[in-house]
Protein backbone atom coordinates (compact mmCIF):
# COMPACT_ATOMS: atom_id res chain seq x y z
CA MET A 1 0.03 0.00 -0.17
CA PRO A 2 1.40 3.39 -0.83
CA SER A 3 2.53 5.76 1.84
CA THR A 4 0.68 9.00 2.25
CA ARG A 5 3.52 11.47 3.01
CA ARG A 6 3.25 14.57 1.07
CA ALA A 7 6.03 15.84 -1.20
CA PRO A 8 6.60 19.65 -1.69
CA ALA A 9 3.64 21.63 -2.94
CA GLU A 10 5.53 22.43 -6.27
CA ALA A 11 5.42 18.82 -7.01
CA ALA A 12 1.48 18.56 -6.74
CA THR A 13 0.58 18.77 -10.60
CA ALA A 14 -2.21 16.25 -10.86
CA THR A 15 -2.35 15.09 -14.44
CA THR A 16 -1.46 16.08 -17.84
CA GLU A 17 -4.61 15.42 -19.94
CA GLY A 18 -5.55 12.30 -18.34
CA MET A 19 -2.04 10.98 -17.93
CA ARG A 20 -0.91 10.31 -14.22
CA VAL A 21 2.55 12.05 -13.68
CA LEU A 22 4.97 10.14 -11.28
CA LYS A 23 8.00 12.28 -10.10
CA LYS A 24 11.30 10.48 -9.23
CA TYR A 25 13.38 12.24 -6.62
CA PRO A 26 17.17 11.85 -6.21
CA ASN A 27 16.48 9.77 -3.10
CA ARG A 28 15.10 7.19 -5.55
CA ARG A 29 11.54 7.73 -4.25
CA LEU A 30 8.56 8.05 -6.54
CA TYR A 31 5.91 10.53 -5.89
CA ASP A 32 2.31 10.24 -7.39
CA THR A 33 1.21 13.84 -8.22
CA SER A 34 -2.42 12.82 -8.70
CA ALA A 35 -2.70 10.81 -5.32
CA SER A 36 -0.45 13.35 -3.61
CA SER A 37 1.64 10.37 -1.96
CA TYR A 38 4.78 8.48 -2.44
CA ILE A 39 4.56 5.34 -3.99
CA THR A 40 6.82 2.01 -4.68
CA LEU A 41 7.81 0.07 -7.73
CA ALA A 42 5.00 -2.40 -6.69
CA ASP A 43 2.46 0.42 -6.98
CA VAL A 44 3.80 1.35 -10.33
CA LYS A 45 3.45 -2.43 -11.57
CA GLN A 46 -0.07 -2.19 -10.28
CA MET A 47 -0.68 0.93 -12.44
CA VAL A 48 0.75 -1.18 -15.38
CA LEU A 49 -1.61 -4.26 -14.69
CA GLU A 50 -4.56 -2.06 -14.54
CA GLY A 51 -3.67 -0.44 -17.83
CA LEU A 52 -3.41 3.24 -16.42
CA THR A 53 -1.56 5.70 -18.50
CA PHE A 54 1.41 7.44 -16.79
CA GLU A 55 4.81 8.78 -17.21
CA VAL A 56 7.73 9.22 -14.69
CA ARG A 57 9.63 12.43 -14.81
CA ASP A 58 12.83 13.33 -13.04
CA ALA A 59 11.64 15.97 -10.07
CA LYS A 60 14.65 18.31 -10.86
CA THR A 61 15.16 18.11 -14.69
CA GLY A 62 11.84 17.03 -16.05
CA GLU A 63 13.61 14.25 -18.02
CA ASP A 64 11.17 11.24 -18.85
CA LEU A 65 12.31 8.24 -16.95
CA THR A 66 9.25 6.02 -17.77
CA ARG A 67 11.22 3.44 -19.78
CA SER A 68 13.95 3.28 -16.94
CA ILE A 69 11.31 2.48 -14.26
CA LEU A 70 9.54 0.00 -16.54
CA LEU A 71 12.83 -1.76 -17.15
CA GLN A 72 13.42 -1.90 -13.35
CA ILE A 73 10.07 -3.58 -12.94
CA ILE A 74 11.10 -6.17 -15.53
CA LEU A 75 14.34 -6.77 -13.75
CA GLU A 76 12.81 -7.41 -10.40
CA GLU A 77 10.39 -9.70 -12.04
CA GLU A 78 13.08 -11.52 -14.01
CA THR A 79 15.32 -12.05 -10.92
CA GLY A 80 12.29 -13.35 -8.79
CA GLY A 81 9.92 -16.32 -9.37
CA MET A 82 9.83 -17.37 -12.85
CA PRO A 83 11.64 -15.47 -15.59
CA MET A 84 10.21 -14.93 -18.88
CA PHE A 85 13.48 -14.30 -20.92
CA SER A 86 16.17 -16.90 -21.16
CA SER A 87 19.76 -15.93 -20.97
CA GLN A 88 20.03 -16.83 -24.77
CA MET A 89 17.15 -14.59 -25.39
CA LEU A 90 18.50 -11.61 -23.62
CA ALA A 91 22.08 -12.07 -25.35
CA GLN A 92 20.20 -12.08 -28.60
CA ILE A 93 18.44 -8.65 -27.76
CA ILE A 94 21.81 -7.42 -26.46
CA ARG A 95 23.25 -8.11 -29.92
CA TYR A 96 20.85 -5.89 -31.69
CA TYR A 97 21.78 -2.76 -30.04
CA GLY A 98 23.89 -0.64 -32.29
CA HIS A 99 23.08 -3.02 -35.11
CA ALA A 100 21.79 -1.52 -38.40
CA MET A 101 18.51 -3.62 -37.77
CA GLN A 102 18.04 -2.37 -34.08
CA GLY A 103 14.98 0.07 -34.98
CA MET A 104 13.36 -2.67 -37.15
CA MET A 105 13.82 -5.48 -34.65
CA GLY A 106 12.20 -3.46 -31.92
CA SER A 107 9.27 -2.78 -34.10
CA TYR A 108 8.95 -6.28 -34.98
CA LEU A 109 9.00 -7.48 -31.40
CA GLU A 110 6.38 -4.88 -30.56
CA LYS A 111 4.18 -5.94 -33.35
CA ASN A 112 4.65 -9.68 -32.46
CA LEU A 113 3.94 -9.06 -28.91
CA GLN A 114 0.72 -7.12 -29.70
CA THR A 115 -0.37 -10.17 -32.12
CA PHE A 116 0.04 -12.39 -29.05
CA VAL A 117 -2.06 -10.12 -26.77
CA ASP A 118 -4.84 -10.15 -29.37
CA MET A 119 -4.70 -13.91 -29.46
CA GLN A 120 -4.80 -14.18 -25.66
CA ALA A 121 -7.76 -11.80 -25.73
CA ARG A 122 -9.62 -13.98 -28.37
CA LEU A 123 -9.00 -16.95 -26.24
CA ALA A 124 -10.24 -15.25 -23.04
CA ASP A 125 -13.32 -14.29 -24.94
CA GLN A 126 -13.79 -17.84 -26.04
CA THR A 127 -13.55 -19.30 -22.55
CA ARG A 128 -15.69 -16.48 -20.84
CA GLY A 129 -18.46 -17.93 -18.70
CA MET A 130 -16.73 -21.27 -18.69
CA VAL A 131 -14.07 -20.29 -16.07
CA ASP A 132 -13.19 -17.62 -13.54
CA PRO A 133 -9.81 -16.46 -14.79
CA LYS A 134 -8.80 -14.91 -11.17
CA ALA A 135 -9.01 -18.43 -9.82
CA PHE A 136 -6.57 -19.85 -12.27
CA THR A 137 -3.07 -20.90 -11.12
CA PRO A 138 -0.39 -21.54 -13.52
CA GLU A 139 -0.94 -25.29 -13.13
CA MET A 140 -4.64 -25.06 -13.55
CA TRP A 141 -4.00 -22.99 -16.74
CA THR A 142 -1.71 -25.61 -18.03
CA GLN A 143 -4.23 -28.41 -17.54
CA PHE A 144 -6.84 -26.33 -19.04
CA MET A 145 -4.81 -25.51 -22.15
CA SER A 146 -3.92 -29.23 -22.75
CA GLY A 147 -7.66 -29.99 -22.80
CA GLN A 148 -8.09 -27.25 -25.60
CA ALA A 149 -5.94 -28.84 -28.02
CA PRO A 150 -7.87 -28.03 -31.18
CA VAL A 151 -8.70 -24.28 -30.12
CA MET A 152 -5.02 -23.75 -29.14
CA GLN A 153 -3.76 -25.15 -32.33
CA ALA A 154 -5.93 -23.00 -34.42
CA LEU A 155 -4.98 -19.97 -32.29
CA MET A 156 -1.25 -20.84 -32.31
CA GLY A 157 -1.43 -21.36 -35.98
CA ASN A 158 -3.10 -17.97 -36.66
CA TYR A 159 -0.43 -16.25 -34.34
CA LEU A 160 2.44 -17.89 -36.11
CA GLU A 161 1.06 -16.97 -39.48
CA GLN A 162 0.69 -13.30 -38.45
CA SER A 163 4.06 -13.49 -36.99
CA LYS A 164 5.49 -14.79 -40.13
CA ASN A 165 3.78 -12.14 -42.10
CA LEU A 166 5.07 -9.45 -39.97
CA PHE A 167 8.69 -10.68 -40.61
CA VAL A 168 8.21 -11.00 -44.31
CA GLN A 169 6.94 -7.10 -44.09
CA MET A 170 10.08 -6.33 -42.21
CA GLN A 171 12.21 -8.02 -44.75
CA ASP A 172 10.45 -6.30 -47.66
CA GLN A 173 10.93 -2.90 -45.90
CA VAL A 174 14.62 -3.61 -45.41
CA GLN A 175 15.13 -4.59 -48.96
CA LYS A 176 13.19 -1.50 -50.22
CA GLN A 177 15.44 0.88 -48.04
CA ALA A 178 18.61 -0.99 -48.92
CA GLY A 179 17.68 -0.71 -52.69
CA GLY A 180 17.25 3.11 -52.43
CA VAL A 181 20.78 3.27 -50.69
CA PHE A 182 22.54 0.90 -53.00
CA PRO A 183 21.02 1.14 -56.49
CA GLY A 184 22.42 -1.45 -58.91
CA PHE A 185 23.35 -3.88 -56.19
CA PRO A 186 22.25 -7.26 -56.94
CA GLY A 187 19.62 -8.79 -54.96
CA PHE A 188 17.66 -5.43 -54.25
CA PRO A 189 14.36 -4.56 -56.01
CA GLY A 190 14.66 -3.75 -59.81
CA VAL A 191 18.17 -5.33 -59.97
CA PRO A 192 18.54 -8.55 -61.95
CA PRO A 193 20.76 -11.23 -60.05
CA LYS A 194 24.16 -11.71 -61.60
CA SER A 195 24.39 -14.67 -64.01
């Protein structure tokens, strides 16, 4: 539960067009300007889970620290309990930093994750009324999914097809961009391969 200690009056700007503003102070404390109280990373995580729109700003400079705070939450989640990312996957992601494909890979991963979220929402709609999702433990979810083989095969097939299409679109975009940069280079649009 968040503490109710008040920050200085100058920090009490409630929201910016419906967006909650959190301020981060040099002592690493976070202040929720709309609730007028200090909060923890666990509170910020709860805001994410509830789908609330917020941004984190440095209390002195006004710099946007939202990504940094979200990465902190991911780090806490990864170090405790059951991590989502394997060491190999994290290493692959790190290899894309500074790579020419960095921007495109970020976009690809974001679109792919959104496709997965959409698939999960469709599954939730299909099972609505049959089960109480709040009562499900990871073990119960596994048992439920094993009994839903045809439904899961169809959903996963659709997800994989969409994922493949996203990757093909990304490849096409790379070829078009490279073709503009390297006209006349074999393998790019409008340039016949060497015989």
